[in-house]
Amino acid sequence: MKLLFDENLSYKLVAKLADIFPDAIHARDLLEREDVSIWHFAKQNQAVIITKDADFNDLSLLYGFPPFVVWLRTGNSKLSDMENILRTNSIKIRELISQNQYGVIELSAA
């Protein structure tokens, strides 16, 4: 499964989660970084967008899915907290694609 981290998340998450999401990339690695460009890249490359940005929820409502979106509703959080939320919910993230019923899931700190 390929994850695409939005610019509002640390690029360091790619390396920190490489053991469970080895194909993850960060938006800073893309030529075009606007939300719509990220959306289209994710769709073309079968990537799940990981973001703290409500705009991707809106794009999902507008365009449907895929791509799938994981919307982190955490406020300002430390890198280790973000890593923990994604690790703890890695099964939910994988199920998002396989269930094909919802385009967006929201995750927050427990």
N, C-alpha and C. Protein backbone atom coordinates (compact mmCIF):
# COMPACT_ATOMS: atom_id res chain seq x y z
N MET A 1 0.84 -1.17 0.00
CA MET A 1 0.00 0.00 0.00
C MET A 1 0.89 1.24 0.00
N LYS A 2 0.55 2.16 -0.86
CA LYS A 2 1.32 3.38 -0.99
C LYS A 2 0.59 4.50 -0.24
N LEU A 3 1.30 5.16 0.67
CA LEU A 3 0.76 6.32 1.35
C LEU A 3 1.41 7.56 0.75
N LEU A 4 0.63 8.64 0.70
CA LEU A 4 1.12 9.93 0.24
C LEU A 4 0.83 10.94 1.35
N PHE A 5 1.89 11.37 2.04
CA PHE A 5 1.74 12.32 3.13
C PHE A 5 1.63 13.73 2.58
N ASP A 6 0.63 14.44 3.02
CA ASP A 6 0.41 15.82 2.62
C ASP A 6 1.49 16.71 3.23
N GLU A 7 1.64 17.90 2.68
CA GLU A 7 2.67 18.83 3.15
C GLU A 7 2.49 19.26 4.60
N ASN A 8 1.28 19.16 5.12
CA ASN A 8 1.06 19.60 6.50
C ASN A 8 1.55 18.57 7.52
N LEU A 9 2.12 17.48 7.05
CA LEU A 9 2.70 16.45 7.91
C LEU A 9 4.20 16.38 7.67
N SER A 10 4.92 15.99 8.68
CA SER A 10 6.37 15.92 8.57
C SER A 10 6.81 14.87 7.54
N TYR A 11 7.79 15.24 6.74
CA TYR A 11 8.37 14.29 5.78
C TYR A 11 9.07 13.14 6.51
N LYS A 12 9.38 13.34 7.78
CA LYS A 12 10.07 12.31 8.56
C LYS A 12 9.18 11.07 8.80
N LEU A 13 7.87 11.24 8.64
CA LEU A 13 6.97 10.09 8.81
C LEU A 13 7.24 8.99 7.78
N VAL A 14 7.70 9.38 6.60
CA VAL A 14 7.99 8.40 5.55
C VAL A 14 9.01 7.39 6.07
N ALA A 15 10.11 7.87 6.62
CA ALA A 15 11.16 6.97 7.13
C ALA A 15 10.71 6.25 8.40
N LYS A 16 10.00 6.95 9.27
CA LYS A 16 9.59 6.34 10.53
C LYS A 16 8.60 5.19 10.34
N LEU A 17 7.83 5.23 9.26
CA LEU A 17 6.82 4.20 9.01
C LEU A 17 7.20 3.25 7.88
N ALA A 18 8.44 3.31 7.44
CA ALA A 18 8.88 2.50 6.30
C ALA A 18 8.76 1.00 6.56
N ASP A 19 8.81 0.58 7.81
CA ASP A 19 8.70 -0.85 8.10
C ASP A 19 7.29 -1.39 7.86
N ILE A 20 6.27 -0.54 7.97
CA ILE A 20 4.90 -1.02 7.73
C ILE A 20 4.28 -0.44 6.46
N PHE A 21 4.82 0.69 5.99
CA PHE A 21 4.37 1.30 4.74
C PHE A 21 5.60 1.66 3.90
N PRO A 22 6.25 0.66 3.32
CA PRO A 22 7.53 0.90 2.64
C PRO A 22 7.44 1.76 1.37
N ASP A 23 6.26 1.88 0.79
CA ASP A 23 6.13 2.64 -0.44
C ASP A 23 5.63 4.07 -0.21
N ALA A 24 5.64 4.53 1.03
CA ALA A 24 5.15 5.87 1.35
C ALA A 24 6.04 6.94 0.73
N ILE A 25 5.40 8.05 0.35
CA ILE A 25 6.11 9.21 -0.16
C ILE A 25 5.51 10.47 0.49
N HIS A 26 6.19 11.57 0.31
CA HIS A 26 5.73 12.84 0.87
C HIS A 26 5.45 13.81 -0.28
N ALA A 27 4.49 14.68 -0.08
CA ALA A 27 4.11 15.64 -1.13
C ALA A 27 5.28 16.52 -1.55
N ARG A 28 6.24 16.73 -0.68
CA ARG A 28 7.38 17.58 -1.05
C ARG A 28 8.20 16.94 -2.18
N ASP A 29 8.00 15.64 -2.41
CA ASP A 29 8.71 14.95 -3.49
C ASP A 29 8.01 15.09 -4.84
N LEU A 30 6.84 15.71 -4.85
CA LEU A 30 6.08 15.88 -6.08
C LEU A 30 6.41 17.22 -6.73
N LEU A 31 6.26 17.29 -8.03
CA LEU A 31 6.49 18.56 -8.73
C LEU A 31 5.37 19.54 -8.45
N GLU A 32 4.15 19.07 -8.45
CA GLU A 32 2.98 19.91 -8.20
C GLU A 32 2.45 19.59 -6.80
N ARG A 33 2.27 20.61 -5.96
CA ARG A 33 1.90 20.37 -4.57
C ARG A 33 0.55 20.94 -4.17
N GLU A 34 -0.20 21.47 -5.13
CA GLU A 34 -1.53 21.95 -4.80
C GLU A 34 -2.41 20.75 -4.48
N ASP A 35 -3.45 20.98 -3.69
CA ASP A 35 -4.31 19.88 -3.26
C ASP A 35 -4.86 19.07 -4.43
N VAL A 36 -5.33 19.74 -5.46
CA VAL A 36 -5.91 19.01 -6.60
C VAL A 36 -4.85 18.19 -7.31
N SER A 37 -3.64 18.71 -7.41
CA SER A 37 -2.54 17.96 -8.04
C SER A 37 -2.18 16.74 -7.20
N ILE A 38 -2.14 16.91 -5.89
CA ILE A 38 -1.88 15.78 -5.00
C ILE A 38 -2.97 14.74 -5.16
N TRP A 39 -4.21 15.20 -5.23
CA TRP A 39 -5.37 14.31 -5.42
C TRP A 39 -5.21 13.47 -6.68
N HIS A 40 -4.91 14.13 -7.79
CA HIS A 40 -4.78 13.41 -9.07
C HIS A 40 -3.58 12.46 -9.06
N PHE A 41 -2.47 12.88 -8.46
CA PHE A 41 -1.31 11.99 -8.35
C PHE A 41 -1.69 10.74 -7.56
N ALA A 42 -2.37 10.92 -6.44
CA ALA A 42 -2.77 9.78 -5.60
C ALA A 42 -3.70 8.85 -6.38
N LYS A 43 -4.61 9.41 -7.12
CA LYS A 43 -5.55 8.58 -7.90
C LYS A 43 -4.80 7.78 -8.96
N GLN A 44 -3.91 8.42 -9.67
CA GLN A 44 -3.16 7.75 -10.74
C GLN A 44 -2.20 6.69 -10.21
N ASN A 45 -1.72 6.87 -8.97
CA ASN A 45 -0.72 5.98 -8.41
C ASN A 45 -1.26 5.09 -7.30
N GLN A 46 -2.58 5.05 -7.17
CA GLN A 46 -3.25 4.21 -6.17
C GLN A 46 -2.68 4.43 -4.77
N ALA A 47 -2.51 5.70 -4.41
CA ALA A 47 -1.98 6.05 -3.10
C ALA A 47 -3.11 6.54 -2.18
N VAL A 48 -2.93 6.32 -0.91
CA VAL A 48 -3.84 6.83 0.12
C VAL A 48 -3.25 8.14 0.63
N ILE A 49 -4.04 9.20 0.61
CA ILE A 49 -3.58 10.50 1.08
C ILE A 49 -3.74 10.55 2.60
N ILE A 50 -2.65 10.91 3.27
CA ILE A 50 -2.66 11.10 4.72
C ILE A 50 -2.52 12.61 4.94
N THR A 51 -3.48 13.21 5.64
CA THR A 51 -3.51 14.66 5.76
C THR A 51 -4.14 15.13 7.05
N LYS A 52 -3.90 16.37 7.39
CA LYS A 52 -4.61 17.05 8.47
C LYS A 52 -5.54 18.11 7.88
N ASP A 53 -5.65 18.13 6.57
CA ASP A 53 -6.33 19.18 5.82
C ASP A 53 -7.76 18.75 5.46
N ALA A 54 -8.74 19.55 5.85
CA ALA A 54 -10.14 19.26 5.54
C ALA A 54 -10.43 19.33 4.04
N ASP A 55 -9.56 20.00 3.28
CA ASP A 55 -9.80 20.14 1.84
C ASP A 55 -9.87 18.80 1.13
N PHE A 56 -9.13 17.81 1.60
CA PHE A 56 -9.17 16.50 0.94
C PHE A 56 -10.48 15.78 1.21
N ASN A 57 -11.10 16.04 2.35
CA ASN A 57 -12.44 15.52 2.60
C ASN A 57 -13.41 16.14 1.59
N ASP A 58 -13.27 17.44 1.36
CA ASP A 58 -14.12 18.14 0.39
C ASP A 58 -13.91 17.59 -1.02
N LEU A 59 -12.67 17.33 -1.38
CA LEU A 59 -12.39 16.77 -2.71
C LEU A 59 -13.01 15.39 -2.86
N SER A 60 -13.01 14.62 -1.78
CA SER A 60 -13.63 13.30 -1.82
C SER A 60 -15.14 13.42 -2.05
N LEU A 61 -15.75 14.39 -1.40
CA LEU A 61 -17.19 14.61 -1.61
C LEU A 61 -17.47 15.07 -3.03
N LEU A 62 -16.58 15.87 -3.59
CA LEU A 62 -16.76 16.40 -4.93
C LEU A 62 -16.50 15.37 -6.02
N TYR A 63 -15.38 14.64 -5.90
CA TYR A 63 -14.95 13.72 -6.95
C TYR A 63 -15.20 12.24 -6.66
N GLY A 64 -15.55 11.90 -5.44
CA GLY A 64 -15.68 10.50 -5.07
C GLY A 64 -14.31 9.89 -4.80
N PHE A 65 -14.28 8.59 -4.72
CA PHE A 65 -13.02 7.92 -4.43
C PHE A 65 -12.89 6.72 -5.33
N PRO A 66 -11.67 6.23 -5.56
CA PRO A 66 -10.40 6.64 -5.00
C PRO A 66 -9.95 7.98 -5.55
N PRO A 67 -8.94 8.58 -4.96
CA PRO A 67 -8.11 8.04 -3.90
C PRO A 67 -8.82 8.10 -2.55
N PHE A 68 -8.32 7.28 -1.67
CA PHE A 68 -8.82 7.26 -0.30
C PHE A 68 -8.03 8.27 0.53
N VAL A 69 -8.67 8.75 1.59
CA VAL A 69 -8.07 9.78 2.42
C VAL A 69 -8.14 9.37 3.89
N VAL A 70 -7.03 9.53 4.57
CA VAL A 70 -6.99 9.39 6.02
C VAL A 70 -6.81 10.80 6.58
N TRP A 71 -7.85 11.27 7.26
CA TRP A 71 -7.88 12.63 7.78
C TRP A 71 -7.52 12.58 9.26
N LEU A 72 -6.36 13.09 9.60
CA LEU A 72 -5.88 13.09 10.97
C LEU A 72 -6.44 14.30 11.70
N ARG A 73 -7.28 14.05 12.67
CA ARG A 73 -7.94 15.12 13.43
C ARG A 73 -7.26 15.24 14.79
N THR A 74 -6.02 15.69 14.79
CA THR A 74 -5.21 15.66 15.99
C THR A 74 -4.78 17.02 16.51
N GLY A 75 -5.02 18.07 15.77
CA GLY A 75 -4.47 19.36 16.18
C GLY A 75 -2.96 19.31 16.08
N ASN A 76 -2.30 20.20 16.79
CA ASN A 76 -0.84 20.19 16.80
C ASN A 76 -0.35 19.01 17.62
N SER A 77 0.43 18.16 17.01
CA SER A 77 0.91 16.94 17.67
C SER A 77 2.39 16.75 17.39
N LYS A 78 3.04 16.09 18.29
CA LYS A 78 4.45 15.74 18.10
C LYS A 78 4.55 14.65 17.03
N LEU A 79 5.70 14.59 16.41
CA LEU A 79 5.97 13.58 15.39
C LEU A 79 5.73 12.18 15.94
N SER A 80 6.20 11.92 17.15
CA SER A 80 6.02 10.59 17.74
C SER A 80 4.54 10.26 17.95
N ASP A 81 3.73 11.26 18.27
CA ASP A 81 2.29 11.03 18.42
C ASP A 81 1.65 10.68 17.09
N MET A 82 2.05 11.39 16.04
CA MET A 82 1.50 11.11 14.70
C MET A 82 1.90 9.70 14.26
N GLU A 83 3.15 9.35 14.49
CA GLU A 83 3.62 8.01 14.15
C GLU A 83 2.80 6.96 14.90
N ASN A 84 2.58 7.18 16.17
CA ASN A 84 1.83 6.23 16.98
C ASN A 84 0.40 6.07 16.49
N ILE A 85 -0.25 7.16 16.14
CA ILE A 85 -1.63 7.09 15.63
C ILE A 85 -1.68 6.27 14.35
N LEU A 86 -0.73 6.49 13.46
CA LEU A 86 -0.73 5.76 12.19
C LEU A 86 -0.37 4.29 12.39
N ARG A 87 0.55 4.00 13.27
CA ARG A 87 0.88 2.60 13.57
C ARG A 87 -0.31 1.88 14.20
N THR A 88 -0.92 2.52 15.18
CA THR A 88 -2.04 1.92 15.89
C THR A 88 -3.22 1.65 14.95
N ASN A 89 -3.35 2.47 13.94
CA ASN A 89 -4.49 2.35 13.02
C ASN A 89 -4.11 1.79 11.65
N SER A 90 -2.96 1.15 11.56
CA SER A 90 -2.51 0.65 10.25
C SER A 90 -3.49 -0.35 9.65
N ILE A 91 -4.13 -1.15 10.47
CA ILE A 91 -5.12 -2.10 9.95
C ILE A 91 -6.33 -1.36 9.40
N LYS A 92 -6.80 -0.34 10.11
CA LYS A 92 -7.93 0.47 9.62
C LYS A 92 -7.59 1.12 8.28
N ILE A 93 -6.36 1.59 8.18
CA ILE A 93 -5.94 2.23 6.93
C ILE A 93 -5.95 1.21 5.79
N ARG A 94 -5.46 0.03 6.03
CA ARG A 94 -5.48 -1.02 5.00
C ARG A 94 -6.90 -1.46 4.65
N GLU A 95 -7.76 -1.51 5.65
CA GLU A 95 -9.17 -1.90 5.43
C GLU A 95 -9.93 -0.85 4.63
N LEU A 96 -9.49 0.39 4.71
CA LEU A 96 -10.15 1.47 3.96
C LEU A 96 -10.23 1.12 2.48
N ILE A 97 -9.14 0.63 1.95
CA ILE A 97 -9.12 0.28 0.53
C ILE A 97 -9.93 -0.97 0.24
N SER A 98 -9.78 -1.97 1.08
CA SER A 98 -10.44 -3.25 0.80
C SER A 98 -11.95 -3.17 0.94
N GLN A 99 -12.46 -2.31 1.82
CA GLN A 99 -13.91 -2.24 2.00
C GLN A 99 -14.59 -1.46 0.89
N ASN A 100 -13.91 -0.48 0.32
CA ASN A 100 -14.40 0.27 -0.83
C ASN A 100 -15.79 0.88 -0.61
N GLN A 101 -16.13 1.23 0.64
CA GLN A 101 -17.42 1.86 0.93
C GLN A 101 -17.27 3.33 1.32
N TYR A 102 -16.15 3.67 1.91
CA TYR A 102 -15.92 5.02 2.39
C TYR A 102 -14.65 5.57 1.75
N GLY A 103 -14.69 6.83 1.38
CA GLY A 103 -13.52 7.44 0.79
C GLY A 103 -12.59 8.08 1.81
N VAL A 104 -13.14 8.40 2.99
CA VAL A 104 -12.37 9.10 4.00
C VAL A 104 -12.60 8.45 5.35
N ILE A 105 -11.51 8.27 6.11
CA ILE A 105 -11.66 7.91 7.51
C ILE A 105 -10.96 9.00 8.32
N GLU A 106 -11.51 9.25 9.49
CA GLU A 106 -10.92 10.22 10.41
C GLU A 106 -10.26 9.48 11.55
N LEU A 107 -9.06 9.89 11.87
CA LEU A 107 -8.32 9.31 12.99
C LEU A 107 -7.94 10.42 13.95
N SER A 108 -8.00 10.10 15.23
CA SER A 108 -7.58 11.07 16.24
C SER A 108 -6.84 10.32 17.34
N ALA A 109 -6.23 11.09 18.22
CA ALA A 109 -5.52 10.48 19.34
C ALA A 109 -6.53 9.79 20.24
N ALA A 110 -6.13 8.66 20.79
CA ALA A 110 -7.04 7.89 21.65
C ALA A 110 -7.18 8.54 23.01
